[in-house]
Amino acid sequence: MTATPPDPDPARTPGLEPGGGVAPGETPPDSGQTSGLSHPQPMPSRRGPVVTLVAVLLVTLLALAFVVAQVMGWTNLFEGY
């Protein structure tokens, strides 16, 4: 069995001029919808973004602590020992 084409037949479509053009003020006919998902998509895991956020926050806090220690001079406490 052959599927029907998604576009309407131009010979039976009202509002079309000879040659297939559309008269001013007319709305062209709509084509059939042939795309879409065949199966529902699975929900993505939330673990990846949470782990990434925690890692970025940890690195940011460690960098901030290092900068504060440098400014306060705490990294030079054990140079004499």
C-alpha atoms as a PDB file:
ATOM      1  CA  MET A   1       0.000   0.000   0.000  1.00  0.00           C
ATOM      2  CA  THR A   2       1.347   3.411  -0.938  1.00  0.00           C
ATOM      3  CA  ALA A   3       1.186   6.237   1.596  1.00  0.00           C
ATOM      4  CA  THR A   4      -0.556   9.441   0.588  1.00  0.00           C
ATOM      5  CA  PRO A   5       1.732  12.439   0.047  1.00  0.00           C
ATOM      6  CA  PRO A   6       1.890  14.893   2.948  1.00  0.00           C
ATOM      7  CA  ASP A   7       1.084  17.921   0.759  1.00  0.00           C
ATOM      8  CA  PRO A   8      -2.484  18.610  -0.434  1.00  0.00           C
ATOM      9  CA  ASP A   9      -3.390  18.083  -4.081  1.00  0.00           C
ATOM     10  CA  PRO A  10      -2.913  21.446  -5.860  1.00  0.00           C
ATOM     11  CA  ALA A  11      -5.794  20.727  -8.230  1.00  0.00           C
ATOM     12  CA  ARG A  12      -8.259  20.472  -5.322  1.00  0.00           C
ATOM     13  CA  THR A  13      -6.802  23.185  -3.055  1.00  0.00           C
ATOM     14  CA  PRO A  14      -8.877  26.399  -2.927  1.00  0.00           C
ATOM     15  CA  GLY A  15      -7.045  29.726  -3.183  1.00  0.00           C
ATOM     16  CA  LEU A  16      -4.281  28.562  -5.525  1.00  0.00           C
ATOM     17  CA  GLU A  17      -3.737  30.402  -8.784  1.00  0.00           C
ATOM     18  CA  PRO A  18      -2.711  28.636 -11.984  1.00  0.00           C
ATOM     19  CA  GLY A  19       0.918  27.561 -11.665  1.00  0.00           C
ATOM     20  CA  GLY A  20       0.607  26.905  -7.931  1.00  0.00           C
ATOM     21  CA  GLY A  21       0.938  30.471  -6.612  1.00  0.00           C
ATOM     22  CA  VAL A  22      -1.142  31.881  -3.785  1.00  0.00           C
ATOM     23  CA  ALA A  23      -3.303  34.952  -4.292  1.00  0.00           C
ATOM     24  CA  PRO A  24      -2.539  37.995  -2.110  1.00  0.00           C
ATOM     25  CA  GLY A  25      -4.289  37.686   1.229  1.00  0.00           C
ATOM     26  CA  GLU A  26      -4.708  33.922   1.007  1.00  0.00           C
ATOM     27  CA  THR A  27      -3.026  31.493   3.392  1.00  0.00           C
ATOM     28  CA  PRO A  28      -1.090  28.704   1.694  1.00  0.00           C
ATOM     29  CA  PRO A  29      -2.204  25.155   2.545  1.00  0.00           C
ATOM     30  CA  ASP A  30      -0.449  23.458   5.421  1.00  0.00           C
ATOM     31  CA  SER A  31       1.741  20.401   4.851  1.00  0.00           C
ATOM     32  CA  GLY A  32       1.365  17.220   6.835  1.00  0.00           C
ATOM     33  CA  GLN A  33       3.516  16.672   9.913  1.00  0.00           C
ATOM     34  CA  THR A  34       5.927  13.802   9.316  1.00  0.00           C
ATOM     35  CA  SER A  35       8.492  14.286  12.072  1.00  0.00           C
ATOM     36  CA  GLY A  36       8.449  13.456  15.743  1.00  0.00           C
ATOM     37  CA  LEU A  37       9.768  11.061  18.335  1.00  0.00           C
ATOM     38  CA  SER A  38       8.796   7.436  18.139  1.00  0.00           C
ATOM     39  CA  HIS A  39       9.525   6.676  21.804  1.00  0.00           C
ATOM     40  CA  PRO A  40       9.458   8.813  24.941  1.00  0.00           C
ATOM     41  CA  GLN A  41      12.937  10.025  25.779  1.00  0.00           C
ATOM     42  CA  PRO A  42      14.411   8.762  29.071  1.00  0.00           C
ATOM     43  CA  MET A  43      14.887  11.237  31.883  1.00  0.00           C
ATOM     44  CA  PRO A  44      18.544  12.237  32.173  1.00  0.00           C
ATOM     45  CA  SER A  45      20.393  11.504  35.395  1.00  0.00           C
ATOM     46  CA  ARG A  46      20.727  14.348  37.890  1.00  0.00           C
ATOM     47  CA  ARG A  47      23.941  12.905  39.320  1.00  0.00           C
ATOM     48  CA  GLY A  48      26.244  14.354  36.638  1.00  0.00           C
ATOM     49  CA  PRO A  49      25.286  18.020  37.054  1.00  0.00           C
ATOM     50  CA  VAL A  50      25.301  17.734  40.861  1.00  0.00           C
ATOM     51  CA  VAL A  51      28.790  16.169  40.907  1.00  0.00           C
ATOM     52  CA  THR A  52      30.047  18.851  38.508  1.00  0.00           C
ATOM     53  CA  LEU A  53      28.577  21.638  40.650  1.00  0.00           C
ATOM     54  CA  VAL A  54      30.114  20.220  43.829  1.00  0.00           C
ATOM     55  CA  ALA A  55      33.534  19.856  42.137  1.00  0.00           C
ATOM     56  CA  VAL A  56      33.443  23.445  40.839  1.00  0.00           C
ATOM     57  CA  LEU A  57      32.424  24.766  44.259  1.00  0.00           C
ATOM     58  CA  LEU A  58      35.185  22.763  45.959  1.00  0.00           C
ATOM     59  CA  VAL A  59      37.873  24.028  43.583  1.00  0.00           C
ATOM     60  CA  THR A  60      36.575  27.600  43.969  1.00  0.00           C
ATOM     61  CA  LEU A  61      36.644  27.378  47.766  1.00  0.00           C
ATOM     62  CA  LEU A  62      40.160  25.918  47.767  1.00  0.00           C
ATOM     63  CA  ALA A  63      41.397  28.676  45.449  1.00  0.00           C
ATOM     64  CA  LEU A  64      39.744  31.312  47.617  1.00  0.00           C
ATOM     65  CA  ALA A  65      41.285  29.799  50.767  1.00  0.00           C
ATOM     66  CA  PHE A  66      44.721  29.820  49.105  1.00  0.00           C
ATOM     67  CA  VAL A  67      44.356  33.492  48.132  1.00  0.00           C
ATOM     68  CA  VAL A  68      43.236  34.419  51.665  1.00  0.00           C
ATOM     69  CA  ALA A  69      46.182  32.491  53.140  1.00  0.00           C
ATOM     70  CA  GLN A  70      48.594  34.304  50.816  1.00  0.00           C
ATOM     71  CA  VAL A  71      47.152  37.722  51.679  1.00  0.00           C
ATOM     72  CA  MET A  72      47.190  37.041  55.419  1.00  0.00           C
ATOM     73  CA  GLY A  73      50.729  35.697  55.275  1.00  0.00           C
ATOM     74  CA  TRP A  74      49.776  32.309  56.700  1.00  0.00           C
ATOM     75  CA  THR A  75      51.799  30.431  54.078  1.00  0.00           C
ATOM     76  CA  ASN A  76      55.046  31.934  55.471  1.00  0.00           C
ATOM     77  CA  LEU A  77      54.547  30.692  59.054  1.00  0.00           C
ATOM     78  CA  PHE A  78      56.710  27.586  58.728  1.00  0.00           C
ATOM     79  CA  GLU A  79      59.637  29.009  56.721  1.00  0.00           C
ATOM     80  CA  GLY A  80      61.875  29.307  59.756  1.00  0.00           C
ATOM     81  CA  TYR A  81      61.514  25.703  60.880  1.00  0.00           C
END
